[in-house]
Amino acid sequence: MEEQKQPQYLKTHRIPGAHLAFLLQEEEEAQLENARASKSGRTAKTLIKDGQLRLTLVAMREGAEMRKHSVDGPASVPVLARDHALPIRR
């Protein structure tokens, strides 16, 4: 039987646990509810933290702003819904 090739990242990084599963719509709805109730109008919840890998769900109510900040290492910003403006400096 031929061994399946894995991407390099999977050869060196493992996410612990039997499985990780999220009902993303439910997570998003809960975070939006928290954001609407928060003084700043925004909330965040880290769904996965393993080494440099972070998957963080950020919710912001309409009109809320995120302060300028930076992160160490690579970043990916998937947008699930809503209008947004995201200035990025390299």
Protein backbone atom coordinates (compact mmCIF):
# COMPACT_ATOMS: atom_id res chain seq x y z
CA MET A 1 0.00 0.00 0.00
CA GLU A 2 1.40 3.39 -1.02
CA GLU A 3 1.84 5.94 1.76
CA GLN A 4 -0.35 9.04 1.33
CA LYS A 5 1.56 12.28 0.99
CA GLN A 6 0.81 14.92 3.61
CA PRO A 7 1.30 18.66 3.33
CA GLN A 8 4.50 19.79 5.09
CA TYR A 9 2.50 21.65 7.75
CA LEU A 10 0.74 18.44 8.82
CA LYS A 11 4.06 16.61 9.09
CA THR A 12 5.27 19.05 11.75
CA HIS A 13 2.06 20.31 13.40
CA ARG A 14 -0.63 18.36 15.14
CA ILE A 15 -3.80 19.63 16.73
CA PRO A 16 -4.41 17.53 19.84
CA GLY A 17 -7.69 15.84 20.60
CA ALA A 18 -9.79 13.06 19.14
CA HIS A 19 -11.57 15.58 16.94
CA LEU A 20 -12.36 19.23 16.76
CA ALA A 21 -15.76 20.25 15.51
CA PHE A 22 -17.62 23.52 15.71
CA LEU A 23 -21.13 24.51 14.80
CA LEU A 24 -19.83 27.77 13.37
CA GLN A 25 -23.24 29.37 12.90
CA GLU A 26 -24.05 28.79 16.58
CA GLU A 27 -20.63 30.11 17.65
CA GLU A 28 -21.10 33.19 15.45
CA GLU A 29 -24.61 33.89 16.78
CA ALA A 30 -23.43 33.58 20.39
CA GLN A 31 -20.47 35.90 19.79
CA LEU A 32 -22.66 38.47 18.02
CA GLU A 33 -25.05 38.43 20.97
CA ASN A 34 -22.09 38.98 23.33
CA ALA A 35 -20.76 41.79 21.11
CA ARG A 36 -24.11 43.58 21.09
CA ALA A 37 -24.16 43.46 24.91
CA SER A 38 -20.52 44.49 25.42
CA LYS A 39 -19.45 48.08 26.07
CA SER A 40 -16.83 47.96 23.26
CA GLY A 41 -19.21 46.34 20.78
CA ARG A 42 -16.83 43.49 20.05
CA THR A 43 -15.88 40.10 21.43
CA ALA A 44 -13.47 37.32 20.50
CA LYS A 45 -13.23 33.63 21.25
CA THR A 46 -10.21 31.45 20.46
CA LEU A 47 -11.50 28.22 18.97
CA ILE A 48 -8.10 26.57 18.37
CA LYS A 49 -4.71 27.31 19.95
CA ASP A 50 -1.81 25.06 19.02
CA GLY A 51 1.73 26.40 18.68
CA GLN A 52 1.59 29.46 16.41
CA LEU A 53 -1.78 28.39 15.02
CA ARG A 54 -4.73 30.39 16.36
CA LEU A 55 -8.27 30.30 15.08
CA THR A 56 -10.14 33.17 16.69
CA LEU A 57 -13.74 34.10 16.04
CA VAL A 58 -14.23 37.87 16.32
CA ALA A 59 -17.69 39.42 16.39
CA MET A 60 -18.46 43.12 16.20
CA ARG A 61 -21.78 44.89 16.35
CA GLU A 62 -22.56 47.45 13.68
CA GLY A 63 -20.50 50.61 14.13
CA ALA A 64 -17.89 48.98 16.39
CA GLU A 65 -14.22 49.38 15.58
CA MET A 66 -11.15 47.28 16.28
CA ARG A 67 -8.12 49.17 17.55
CA LYS A 68 -4.93 49.06 15.53
CA HIS A 69 -2.82 46.08 16.60
CA SER A 70 -0.24 43.65 15.29
CA VAL A 71 0.38 39.92 15.59
CA ASP A 72 3.57 37.89 15.57
CA GLY A 73 3.72 35.40 12.74
CA PRO A 74 1.37 34.76 9.85
CA ALA A 75 -2.27 35.83 9.92
CA SER A 76 -5.34 34.87 7.95
CA VAL A 77 -8.53 36.89 8.19
CA PRO A 78 -11.56 35.01 6.87
CA VAL A 79 -14.69 37.14 6.88
CA LEU A 80 -17.90 35.21 7.44
CA ALA A 81 -20.45 37.97 7.10
CA ARG A 82 -21.15 41.69 7.17
CA ASP A 83 -19.47 44.69 5.56
CA HIS A 84 -15.94 45.44 6.66
CA ALA A 85 -12.87 47.55 6.01
CA LEU A 86 -9.53 46.03 6.95
CA PRO A 87 -6.42 48.14 6.36
CA ILE A 88 -3.28 45.97 6.37
CA ARG A 89 0.31 47.11 6.62
CA ARG A 90 3.21 44.77 5.92
